[in-house]
């Protein structure tokens, strides 16, 4: 795998080699306002380059409206009624198993779910197996980038084969769901 161009020199070299105009931008994200602003700038830049300014605006408005709708529909759920959740198998420079998570996973925040990994910060984290089994989340979500691990260490393999994970409430109740990869 060749790393992506990460600076002006890399972009200039790519443009020189391909003889195609190259534009670089940060993709941003949805965890913080700063990341959201970066994402909107990226969409606006893409829209401008492609002559699709209006479409870029529509996409940004759709994302914001969807987040607002989710937050609005779930904000009044009492703390005691909120479901405990966990996302595992989150990619970081390649596939990972169930212990790999994102403590500040935006979709969980938008629906006011109780992410069992919140206490581990805001960036990618690997947490202890014992912590997952002790907190026993009601719902588990698996970043499907994990299927790229063909050694038997994917989150899916672990949920199927590891006795500790097979005993989790979410696994026993069929509350394990796949989510499309977004950061790899």
N, C-alpha and C. Protein backbone atom coordinates (compact mmCIF):
# COMPACT_ATOMS: atom_id res chain seq x y z
N UNK A 1 0.83 -1.19 0.00
CA UNK A 1 0.00 0.00 0.00
C UNK A 1 0.88 1.25 0.00
N UNK A 2 0.53 2.17 -0.84
CA UNK A 2 1.24 3.43 -0.92
C UNK A 2 0.49 4.46 -0.10
N UNK A 3 1.17 5.18 0.78
CA UNK A 3 0.47 6.19 1.58
C UNK A 3 -0.08 7.30 0.71
N UNK A 4 -1.15 7.89 1.15
CA UNK A 4 -1.75 9.02 0.44
C UNK A 4 -0.83 10.23 0.49
N UNK A 5 -0.98 11.09 -0.51
CA UNK A 5 -0.23 12.35 -0.50
C UNK A 5 -0.67 13.15 0.72
N UNK A 6 0.31 13.63 1.48
CA UNK A 6 -0.04 14.30 2.73
C UNK A 6 0.43 15.73 2.82
N UNK A 7 1.14 16.22 1.79
CA UNK A 7 1.58 17.60 1.84
C UNK A 7 1.69 18.14 0.42
N UNK A 8 1.97 19.43 0.31
CA UNK A 8 2.02 20.08 -0.99
C UNK A 8 3.04 19.43 -1.92
N UNK A 9 4.17 19.05 -1.38
CA UNK A 9 5.20 18.42 -2.20
C UNK A 9 4.70 17.11 -2.79
N UNK A 10 4.03 16.30 -1.98
CA UNK A 10 3.47 15.04 -2.47
C UNK A 10 2.44 15.29 -3.57
N UNK A 11 1.60 16.30 -3.35
CA UNK A 11 0.57 16.62 -4.33
C UNK A 11 1.18 17.11 -5.63
N UNK A 12 2.19 17.97 -5.51
CA UNK A 12 2.87 18.48 -6.70
C UNK A 12 3.54 17.34 -7.47
N UNK A 13 4.16 16.42 -6.75
CA UNK A 13 4.80 15.28 -7.40
C UNK A 13 3.78 14.40 -8.12
N UNK A 14 2.64 14.16 -7.47
CA UNK A 14 1.58 13.37 -8.09
C UNK A 14 1.07 14.05 -9.36
N UNK A 15 0.90 15.35 -9.30
CA UNK A 15 0.44 16.10 -10.47
C UNK A 15 1.49 16.03 -11.59
N UNK A 16 2.76 16.15 -11.23
CA UNK A 16 3.83 16.09 -12.24
C UNK A 16 3.85 14.72 -12.91
N UNK A 17 3.73 13.66 -12.10
CA UNK A 17 3.81 12.30 -12.65
C UNK A 17 2.59 11.94 -13.50
N UNK A 18 1.42 12.39 -13.08
CA UNK A 18 0.19 12.02 -13.80
C UNK A 18 -0.19 13.00 -14.89
N UNK A 19 0.38 14.21 -14.82
CA UNK A 19 0.03 15.29 -15.74
C UNK A 19 -1.48 15.59 -15.68
N UNK A 20 -2.03 15.40 -14.50
CA UNK A 20 -3.45 15.68 -14.22
C UNK A 20 -3.49 16.65 -13.05
N UNK A 21 -4.34 17.69 -13.11
CA UNK A 21 -4.44 18.60 -11.97
C UNK A 21 -4.81 17.85 -10.69
N UNK A 22 -4.12 18.16 -9.60
CA UNK A 22 -4.34 17.49 -8.32
C UNK A 22 -4.70 18.54 -7.28
N UNK A 23 -5.73 18.27 -6.53
CA UNK A 23 -6.15 19.14 -5.43
C UNK A 23 -6.18 18.29 -4.17
N UNK A 24 -5.58 18.78 -3.11
CA UNK A 24 -5.59 18.06 -1.85
C UNK A 24 -6.43 18.79 -0.82
N UNK A 25 -7.05 18.03 0.04
CA UNK A 25 -7.85 18.62 1.11
C UNK A 25 -7.98 17.61 2.23
N UNK A 26 -8.24 18.11 3.41
CA UNK A 26 -8.49 17.24 4.56
C UNK A 26 -9.96 16.86 4.54
N UNK A 27 -10.24 15.60 4.83
CA UNK A 27 -11.64 15.16 4.76
C UNK A 27 -12.46 15.55 5.97
N UNK A 28 -11.82 15.94 7.05
CA UNK A 28 -12.58 16.33 8.24
C UNK A 28 -13.22 15.13 8.90
N UNK A 29 -14.31 15.37 9.58
CA UNK A 29 -15.01 14.31 10.30
C UNK A 29 -16.25 14.86 10.95
N UNK A 30 -16.82 14.09 11.86
CA UNK A 30 -18.07 14.50 12.50
C UNK A 30 -18.00 14.46 14.02
N UNK A 31 -16.81 14.29 14.59
CA UNK A 31 -16.71 14.23 16.04
C UNK A 31 -16.78 15.58 16.71
N UNK A 32 -16.20 16.61 16.08
CA UNK A 32 -16.15 17.93 16.70
C UNK A 32 -16.62 18.98 15.70
N UNK A 33 -16.91 20.17 16.19
CA UNK A 33 -17.30 21.26 15.28
C UNK A 33 -16.17 21.59 14.32
N UNK A 34 -14.95 21.53 14.79
CA UNK A 34 -13.80 21.79 13.94
C UNK A 34 -13.73 20.78 12.79
N UNK A 35 -13.90 19.51 13.11
CA UNK A 35 -13.90 18.47 12.08
C UNK A 35 -15.07 18.65 11.11
N UNK A 36 -16.24 19.02 11.65
CA UNK A 36 -17.41 19.24 10.78
C UNK A 36 -17.15 20.40 9.82
N UNK A 37 -16.52 21.46 10.33
CA UNK A 37 -16.19 22.60 9.46
C UNK A 37 -15.23 22.17 8.35
N UNK A 38 -14.25 21.35 8.71
CA UNK A 38 -13.28 20.84 7.74
C UNK A 38 -13.99 20.00 6.67
N UNK A 39 -14.93 19.16 7.12
CA UNK A 39 -15.70 18.32 6.20
C UNK A 39 -16.51 19.18 5.23
N UNK A 40 -17.16 20.21 5.75
CA UNK A 40 -17.95 21.11 4.90
C UNK A 40 -17.06 21.84 3.90
N UNK A 41 -15.88 22.26 4.33
CA UNK A 41 -14.93 22.90 3.41
C UNK A 41 -14.54 21.93 2.30
N UNK A 42 -14.32 20.67 2.66
CA UNK A 42 -13.96 19.67 1.66
C UNK A 42 -15.08 19.46 0.65
N UNK A 43 -16.32 19.33 1.15
CA UNK A 43 -17.46 19.17 0.23
C UNK A 43 -17.61 20.39 -0.67
N UNK A 44 -17.48 21.56 -0.09
CA UNK A 44 -17.60 22.79 -0.89
C UNK A 44 -16.50 22.88 -1.95
N UNK A 45 -15.29 22.49 -1.59
CA UNK A 45 -14.19 22.51 -2.54
C UNK A 45 -14.46 21.52 -3.68
N UNK A 46 -14.89 20.31 -3.33
CA UNK A 46 -15.21 19.32 -4.35
C UNK A 46 -16.33 19.82 -5.26
N UNK A 47 -17.36 20.39 -4.65
CA UNK A 47 -18.47 20.93 -5.42
C UNK A 47 -18.02 22.02 -6.37
N UNK A 48 -17.16 22.90 -5.89
CA UNK A 48 -16.66 23.99 -6.72
C UNK A 48 -15.85 23.47 -7.91
N UNK A 49 -14.97 22.53 -7.64
CA UNK A 49 -14.12 21.96 -8.69
C UNK A 49 -14.96 21.25 -9.75
N UNK A 50 -16.00 20.57 -9.31
CA UNK A 50 -16.81 19.78 -10.23
C UNK A 50 -17.99 20.55 -10.81
N UNK A 51 -18.12 21.83 -10.44
CA UNK A 51 -19.26 22.60 -10.91
C UNK A 51 -20.57 22.14 -10.29
N UNK A 52 -20.50 21.64 -9.06
CA UNK A 52 -21.66 21.10 -8.35
C UNK A 52 -21.83 21.77 -7.00
N UNK A 53 -21.71 23.11 -7.00
CA UNK A 53 -21.82 23.85 -5.73
C UNK A 53 -23.14 23.59 -5.02
N UNK A 54 -24.23 23.57 -5.77
CA UNK A 54 -25.55 23.38 -5.16
C UNK A 54 -25.67 21.99 -4.54
N UNK A 55 -25.12 20.98 -5.23
CA UNK A 55 -25.18 19.62 -4.70
C UNK A 55 -24.36 19.51 -3.42
N UNK A 56 -23.20 20.14 -3.37
CA UNK A 56 -22.38 20.13 -2.16
C UNK A 56 -23.17 20.74 -1.00
N UNK A 57 -23.85 21.83 -1.27
CA UNK A 57 -24.66 22.49 -0.24
C UNK A 57 -25.78 21.56 0.24
N UNK A 58 -26.42 20.85 -0.69
CA UNK A 58 -27.49 19.91 -0.34
C UNK A 58 -26.97 18.79 0.55
N UNK A 59 -25.79 18.25 0.23
CA UNK A 59 -25.21 17.17 1.02
C UNK A 59 -24.92 17.65 2.44
N UNK A 60 -24.33 18.82 2.57
CA UNK A 60 -24.03 19.38 3.89
C UNK A 60 -25.32 19.60 4.67
N UNK A 61 -26.33 20.15 4.03
CA UNK A 61 -27.62 20.38 4.71
C UNK A 61 -28.26 19.07 5.13
N UNK A 62 -28.15 18.04 4.29
CA UNK A 62 -28.71 16.73 4.63
C UNK A 62 -28.02 16.15 5.86
N UNK A 63 -26.70 16.20 5.88
CA UNK A 63 -25.95 15.68 7.03
C UNK A 63 -26.36 16.40 8.31
N UNK A 64 -26.39 17.73 8.26
CA UNK A 64 -26.76 18.51 9.45
C UNK A 64 -28.19 18.22 9.89
N UNK A 65 -29.12 18.12 8.94
CA UNK A 65 -30.52 17.85 9.27
C UNK A 65 -30.68 16.46 9.87
N UNK A 66 -29.94 15.49 9.35
CA UNK A 66 -30.03 14.13 9.87
C UNK A 66 -29.51 14.05 11.30
N UNK A 67 -28.39 14.69 11.56
CA UNK A 67 -27.84 14.70 12.92
C UNK A 67 -28.82 15.39 13.87
N UNK A 68 -29.35 16.53 13.47
CA UNK A 68 -30.31 17.25 14.31
C UNK A 68 -31.55 16.40 14.58
N UNK A 69 -32.04 15.69 13.57
CA UNK A 69 -33.22 14.84 13.74
C UNK A 69 -32.95 13.72 14.74
N UNK A 70 -31.81 13.06 14.62
CA UNK A 70 -31.47 11.97 15.54
C UNK A 70 -31.36 12.48 16.97
N UNK A 71 -30.67 13.60 17.13
CA UNK A 71 -30.51 14.17 18.47
C UNK A 71 -31.86 14.58 19.06
N UNK A 72 -32.70 15.19 18.23
CA UNK A 72 -34.01 15.64 18.70
C UNK A 72 -34.88 14.46 19.13
N UNK A 73 -34.85 13.38 18.36
CA UNK A 73 -35.71 12.24 18.67
C UNK A 73 -35.25 11.46 19.90
N UNK A 74 -33.99 11.62 20.30
CA UNK A 74 -33.48 10.80 21.40
C UNK A 74 -33.08 11.60 22.64
N UNK A 75 -33.11 12.91 22.57
CA UNK A 75 -32.59 13.73 23.68
C UNK A 75 -33.37 13.56 24.97
N UNK A 76 -34.65 13.23 24.89
CA UNK A 76 -35.47 13.14 26.10
C UNK A 76 -35.56 11.73 26.67
N UNK A 77 -34.80 10.80 26.13
CA UNK A 77 -34.80 9.45 26.69
C UNK A 77 -34.08 9.51 28.04
N UNK A 78 -34.74 9.07 29.11
CA UNK A 78 -34.09 9.12 30.42
C UNK A 78 -32.80 8.30 30.43
N UNK A 79 -31.83 8.77 31.18
CA UNK A 79 -30.53 8.10 31.26
C UNK A 79 -30.68 6.60 31.55
N UNK A 80 -31.56 6.25 32.45
CA UNK A 80 -31.74 4.84 32.84
C UNK A 80 -32.29 3.99 31.70
N UNK A 81 -32.92 4.61 30.71
CA UNK A 81 -33.50 3.87 29.59
C UNK A 81 -32.60 3.82 28.36
N UNK A 82 -31.49 4.51 28.41
CA UNK A 82 -30.58 4.52 27.26
C UNK A 82 -29.84 3.20 27.17
N UNK A 83 -29.68 2.71 25.97
CA UNK A 83 -29.05 1.41 25.72
C UNK A 83 -27.53 1.51 25.76
N UNK A 84 -26.90 0.47 26.31
CA UNK A 84 -25.44 0.42 26.30
C UNK A 84 -24.98 -0.18 24.98
N UNK A 85 -23.97 0.44 24.39
CA UNK A 85 -23.52 0.06 23.06
C UNK A 85 -21.99 0.03 23.00
N UNK A 86 -21.50 -0.64 21.98
CA UNK A 86 -20.06 -0.71 21.76
C UNK A 86 -19.82 -0.90 20.27
N UNK A 87 -18.81 -0.24 19.73
CA UNK A 87 -18.38 -0.51 18.37
C UNK A 87 -16.97 -1.07 18.42
N UNK A 88 -16.77 -2.20 17.77
CA UNK A 88 -15.47 -2.84 17.74
C UNK A 88 -15.03 -3.12 16.31
N UNK A 89 -13.80 -3.53 16.18
CA UNK A 89 -13.25 -3.82 14.86
C UNK A 89 -12.95 -2.56 14.07
N UNK A 90 -12.83 -1.43 14.75
CA UNK A 90 -12.61 -0.15 14.07
C UNK A 90 -11.21 -0.14 13.46
N UNK A 91 -11.16 0.15 12.18
CA UNK A 91 -9.88 0.16 11.44
C UNK A 91 -9.01 1.33 11.88
N UNK A 92 -7.72 1.07 11.85
CA UNK A 92 -6.71 2.12 12.04
C UNK A 92 -5.46 1.60 11.36
N UNK A 93 -5.18 2.12 10.18
CA UNK A 93 -4.04 1.66 9.38
C UNK A 93 -4.11 0.16 9.15
N UNK A 94 -5.31 -0.33 8.93
CA UNK A 94 -5.52 -1.75 8.67
C UNK A 94 -6.62 -2.31 9.55
N UNK A 95 -6.98 -3.57 9.32
CA UNK A 95 -8.09 -4.17 10.08
C UNK A 95 -7.68 -4.48 11.51
N UNK A 96 -8.68 -4.49 12.38
CA UNK A 96 -8.46 -4.79 13.80
C UNK A 96 -9.58 -5.68 14.30
N UNK A 97 -9.35 -6.27 15.47
CA UNK A 97 -10.34 -7.12 16.11
C UNK A 97 -11.29 -6.32 16.99
N UNK A 98 -12.04 -7.03 17.80
CA UNK A 98 -13.12 -6.44 18.59
C UNK A 98 -12.64 -5.40 19.61
N UNK A 99 -11.42 -5.50 20.07
CA UNK A 99 -10.93 -4.58 21.09
C UNK A 99 -10.70 -3.17 20.55
N UNK A 100 -10.62 -3.02 19.24
CA UNK A 100 -10.37 -1.73 18.59
C UNK A 100 -11.67 -0.95 18.50
N UNK A 101 -11.68 0.25 19.07
CA UNK A 101 -12.93 1.01 19.13
C UNK A 101 -12.69 2.50 18.92
N UNK A 102 -13.77 3.24 18.83
CA UNK A 102 -13.72 4.70 18.78
C UNK A 102 -14.60 5.21 19.92
N UNK A 103 -13.96 5.66 21.01
CA UNK A 103 -14.72 6.09 22.19
C UNK A 103 -15.70 7.24 21.93
N UNK A 104 -15.41 8.08 20.96
CA UNK A 104 -16.31 9.20 20.66
C UNK A 104 -17.02 8.94 19.33
N UNK A 105 -17.54 7.75 19.16
CA UNK A 105 -18.20 7.37 17.90
C UNK A 105 -19.43 8.25 17.69
N UNK A 106 -19.38 9.14 16.69
CA UNK A 106 -20.45 10.13 16.51
C UNK A 106 -21.88 9.57 16.46
N UNK A 107 -22.16 8.50 15.71
CA UNK A 107 -23.56 8.03 15.69
C UNK A 107 -24.12 7.69 17.07
N UNK A 108 -23.27 7.18 17.96
CA UNK A 108 -23.75 6.89 19.31
C UNK A 108 -24.10 8.18 20.05
N UNK A 109 -23.31 9.20 19.83
CA UNK A 109 -23.58 10.48 20.48
C UNK A 109 -24.87 11.10 19.94
N UNK A 110 -25.09 10.99 18.64
CA UNK A 110 -26.29 11.59 18.03
C UNK A 110 -27.58 10.96 18.54
N UNK A 111 -27.53 9.68 18.93
CA UNK A 111 -28.74 9.03 19.42
C UNK A 111 -28.72 8.86 20.94
N UNK A 112 -27.78 9.52 21.59
CA UNK A 112 -27.70 9.51 23.05
C UNK A 112 -27.61 8.10 23.63
N UNK A 113 -26.86 7.25 22.95
CA UNK A 113 -26.64 5.90 23.46
C UNK A 113 -25.50 5.93 24.48
N UNK A 114 -25.46 4.93 25.33
CA UNK A 114 -24.39 4.84 26.34
C UNK A 114 -23.25 3.99 25.78
N UNK A 115 -22.26 4.66 25.21
CA UNK A 115 -21.09 3.99 24.66
C UNK A 115 -20.21 3.55 25.82
N UNK A 116 -20.01 2.25 25.95
CA UNK A 116 -19.23 1.75 27.10
C UNK A 116 -17.77 2.18 27.05
N UNK A 117 -17.31 2.66 25.88
CA UNK A 117 -15.90 3.03 25.74
C UNK A 117 -15.64 4.52 25.89
N UNK A 118 -16.64 5.31 26.20
CA UNK A 118 -16.49 6.77 26.27
C UNK A 118 -15.33 7.21 27.16
N UNK A 119 -15.12 6.53 28.24
CA UNK A 119 -14.08 6.95 29.19
C UNK A 119 -12.66 6.81 28.65
N UNK A 120 -12.50 6.21 27.47
CA UNK A 120 -11.17 5.99 26.91
C UNK A 120 -10.72 7.09 25.96
N UNK A 121 -11.36 8.24 25.99
CA UNK A 121 -10.91 9.39 25.21
C UNK A 121 -11.79 9.71 24.02
N UNK A 122 -11.19 10.37 23.05
CA UNK A 122 -11.95 10.79 21.87
C UNK A 122 -11.38 10.22 20.58
N UNK A 123 -10.21 9.63 20.65
CA UNK A 123 -9.56 9.05 19.47
C UNK A 123 -9.65 7.53 19.53
N UNK A 124 -9.18 6.89 18.50
CA UNK A 124 -9.15 5.43 18.44
C UNK A 124 -8.51 4.88 19.71
N UNK A 125 -9.01 3.75 20.18
CA UNK A 125 -8.44 3.11 21.38
C UNK A 125 -8.57 1.60 21.26
N UNK A 126 -7.67 0.91 21.88
CA UNK A 126 -7.78 -0.54 22.07
C UNK A 126 -8.07 -0.73 23.55
N UNK A 127 -9.16 -1.43 23.83
CA UNK A 127 -9.51 -1.61 25.24
C UNK A 127 -9.42 -3.08 25.63
N UNK A 128 -9.39 -3.33 26.89
CA UNK A 128 -9.19 -4.68 27.40
C UNK A 128 -10.44 -5.54 27.18
N UNK A 129 -10.20 -6.77 26.83
CA UNK A 129 -11.27 -7.75 26.66
C UNK A 129 -12.11 -7.85 27.94
N UNK A 130 -11.41 -7.81 29.08
CA UNK A 130 -12.10 -7.93 30.37
C UNK A 130 -13.08 -6.78 30.59
N UNK A 131 -12.72 -5.60 30.08
CA UNK A 131 -13.61 -4.46 30.23
C UNK A 131 -14.90 -4.67 29.42
N UNK A 132 -14.74 -5.16 28.20
CA UNK A 132 -15.93 -5.41 27.36
C UNK A 132 -16.82 -6.45 28.02
N UNK A 133 -16.24 -7.53 28.51
CA UNK A 133 -17.07 -8.57 29.12
C UNK A 133 -17.69 -8.11 30.44
N UNK A 134 -16.98 -7.28 31.18
CA UNK A 134 -17.51 -6.79 32.46
C UNK A 134 -18.65 -5.80 32.24
N UNK A 135 -18.54 -4.95 31.23
CA UNK A 135 -19.59 -3.95 30.99
C UNK A 135 -20.73 -4.54 30.17
N UNK A 136 -20.47 -5.61 29.42
CA UNK A 136 -21.49 -6.40 28.72
C UNK A 136 -22.53 -5.54 28.00
N UNK A 137 -22.14 -4.88 26.92
CA UNK A 137 -23.07 -3.98 26.22
C UNK A 137 -24.29 -4.72 25.66
N UNK A 138 -25.42 -4.00 25.64
CA UNK A 138 -26.66 -4.58 25.11
C UNK A 138 -26.61 -4.74 23.59
N UNK A 139 -25.87 -3.84 22.94
CA UNK A 139 -25.75 -3.86 21.49
C UNK A 139 -24.29 -3.71 21.11
N UNK A 140 -23.86 -4.51 20.13
CA UNK A 140 -22.51 -4.40 19.61
C UNK A 140 -22.60 -4.11 18.12
N UNK A 141 -21.80 -3.16 17.70
CA UNK A 141 -21.69 -2.83 16.28
C UNK A 141 -20.25 -3.14 15.87
N UNK A 142 -20.10 -3.68 14.67
CA UNK A 142 -18.79 -4.08 14.18
C UNK A 142 -18.49 -3.32 12.89
N UNK A 143 -17.38 -2.60 12.90
CA UNK A 143 -16.89 -1.94 11.69
C UNK A 143 -16.47 -3.06 10.74
N UNK A 144 -17.13 -3.15 9.59
CA UNK A 144 -16.91 -4.28 8.70
C UNK A 144 -15.56 -4.27 7.99
N UNK A 145 -14.75 -3.25 8.22
CA UNK A 145 -13.38 -3.31 7.71
C UNK A 145 -12.63 -4.47 8.35
N UNK A 146 -13.12 -4.95 9.47
CA UNK A 146 -12.48 -6.05 10.19
C UNK A 146 -12.41 -7.32 9.35
N UNK A 147 -13.28 -7.47 8.36
CA UNK A 147 -13.28 -8.70 7.55
C UNK A 147 -12.02 -8.82 6.70
N UNK A 148 -11.26 -7.73 6.58
CA UNK A 148 -10.00 -7.79 5.84
C UNK A 148 -8.95 -8.62 6.60
N UNK A 149 -9.18 -8.85 7.88
CA UNK A 149 -8.27 -9.69 8.67
C UNK A 149 -8.67 -11.14 8.43
N UNK A 150 -7.88 -11.85 7.65
CA UNK A 150 -8.20 -13.24 7.31
C UNK A 150 -7.44 -14.24 8.18
N UNK A 151 -6.79 -13.74 9.23
CA UNK A 151 -6.00 -14.62 10.11
C UNK A 151 -6.84 -15.27 11.21
N UNK A 152 -8.13 -14.93 11.28
CA UNK A 152 -8.97 -15.44 12.35
C UNK A 152 -9.11 -14.46 13.50
N UNK A 153 -8.49 -13.29 13.38
CA UNK A 153 -8.52 -12.30 14.45
C UNK A 153 -9.51 -11.18 14.23
N UNK A 154 -10.41 -11.33 13.25
CA UNK A 154 -11.38 -10.27 13.01
C UNK A 154 -12.38 -10.22 14.16
N UNK A 155 -13.03 -9.09 14.30
CA UNK A 155 -14.06 -8.95 15.34
C UNK A 155 -15.16 -9.99 15.17
N UNK A 156 -15.49 -10.29 13.94
CA UNK A 156 -16.53 -11.28 13.67
C UNK A 156 -16.07 -12.67 14.13
N UNK A 157 -14.83 -13.02 13.77
CA UNK A 157 -14.28 -14.31 14.22
C UNK A 157 -14.25 -14.38 15.75
N UNK A 158 -13.84 -13.31 16.39
CA UNK A 158 -13.77 -13.30 17.84
C UNK A 158 -15.14 -13.48 18.48
N UNK A 159 -16.15 -12.81 17.92
CA UNK A 159 -17.50 -12.95 18.46
C UNK A 159 -18.05 -14.37 18.27
N UNK A 160 -17.64 -15.02 17.21
CA UNK A 160 -18.11 -16.39 16.93
C UNK A 160 -17.36 -17.44 17.75
N UNK A 161 -16.05 -17.19 17.99
CA UNK A 161 -15.20 -18.26 18.50
C UNK A 161 -14.68 -18.08 19.92
N UNK A 162 -14.61 -16.87 20.41
CA UNK A 162 -14.07 -16.64 21.75
C UNK A 162 -15.19 -16.85 22.77
N UNK A 163 -15.04 -17.81 23.68
CA UNK A 163 -16.11 -18.08 24.65
C UNK A 163 -16.54 -16.85 25.45
N UNK A 164 -15.59 -15.99 25.80
CA UNK A 164 -15.95 -14.79 26.57
C UNK A 164 -16.85 -13.87 25.77
N UNK A 165 -16.55 -13.70 24.48
CA UNK A 165 -17.36 -12.82 23.65
C UNK A 165 -18.68 -13.49 23.25
N UNK A 166 -18.66 -14.80 23.06
CA UNK A 166 -19.91 -15.52 22.73
C UNK A 166 -20.93 -15.39 23.86
N UNK A 167 -20.44 -15.20 25.09
CA UNK A 167 -21.31 -15.08 26.25
C UNK A 167 -21.87 -13.69 26.48
N UNK A 168 -21.47 -12.71 25.67
CA UNK A 168 -21.98 -11.35 25.84
C UNK A 168 -23.47 -11.30 25.55
N UNK A 169 -24.18 -10.46 26.28
CA UNK A 169 -25.62 -10.30 26.10
C UNK A 169 -25.97 -9.99 24.65
N UNK A 170 -25.25 -9.06 24.03
CA UNK A 170 -25.54 -8.68 22.65
C UNK A 170 -25.41 -9.88 21.72
N UNK A 171 -24.37 -10.69 21.92
CA UNK A 171 -24.16 -11.87 21.06
C UNK A 171 -25.26 -12.90 21.29
N UNK A 172 -25.59 -13.16 22.54
CA UNK A 172 -26.63 -14.15 22.85
C UNK A 172 -28.00 -13.72 22.34
N UNK A 173 -28.28 -12.42 22.37
CA UNK A 173 -29.60 -11.92 21.95
C UNK A 173 -29.67 -11.54 20.48
N UNK A 174 -28.60 -11.75 19.74
CA UNK A 174 -28.61 -11.42 18.31
C UNK A 174 -28.56 -9.92 18.04
N UNK A 175 -28.01 -9.17 18.99
CA UNK A 175 -27.93 -7.72 18.83
C UNK A 175 -26.52 -7.28 18.44
N UNK A 176 -25.99 -7.93 17.39
CA UNK A 176 -24.69 -7.58 16.83
C UNK A 176 -24.96 -7.15 15.39
N UNK A 177 -24.48 -5.96 15.04
CA UNK A 177 -24.77 -5.39 13.73
C UNK A 177 -23.49 -4.89 13.07
N UNK A 178 -23.42 -5.02 11.77
CA UNK A 178 -22.29 -4.51 11.02
C UNK A 178 -22.54 -3.09 10.57
N UNK A 179 -21.50 -2.29 10.55
CA UNK A 179 -21.58 -0.92 10.01
C UNK A 179 -20.51 -0.78 8.94
N UNK A 180 -20.83 0.00 7.93
CA UNK A 180 -19.88 0.21 6.84
C UNK A 180 -18.66 0.97 7.33
N UNK A 181 -17.49 0.58 6.86
CA UNK A 181 -16.26 1.30 7.25
C UNK A 181 -16.34 2.74 6.77
N UNK A 182 -15.78 3.63 7.54
CA UNK A 182 -15.83 5.04 7.15
C UNK A 182 -14.46 5.71 7.25
N UNK A 183 -13.52 5.08 7.92
CA UNK A 183 -12.23 5.74 8.10
C UNK A 183 -11.08 4.95 7.49
N UNK A 184 -11.40 4.01 6.61
CA UNK A 184 -10.34 3.25 5.97
C UNK A 184 -10.70 3.02 4.53
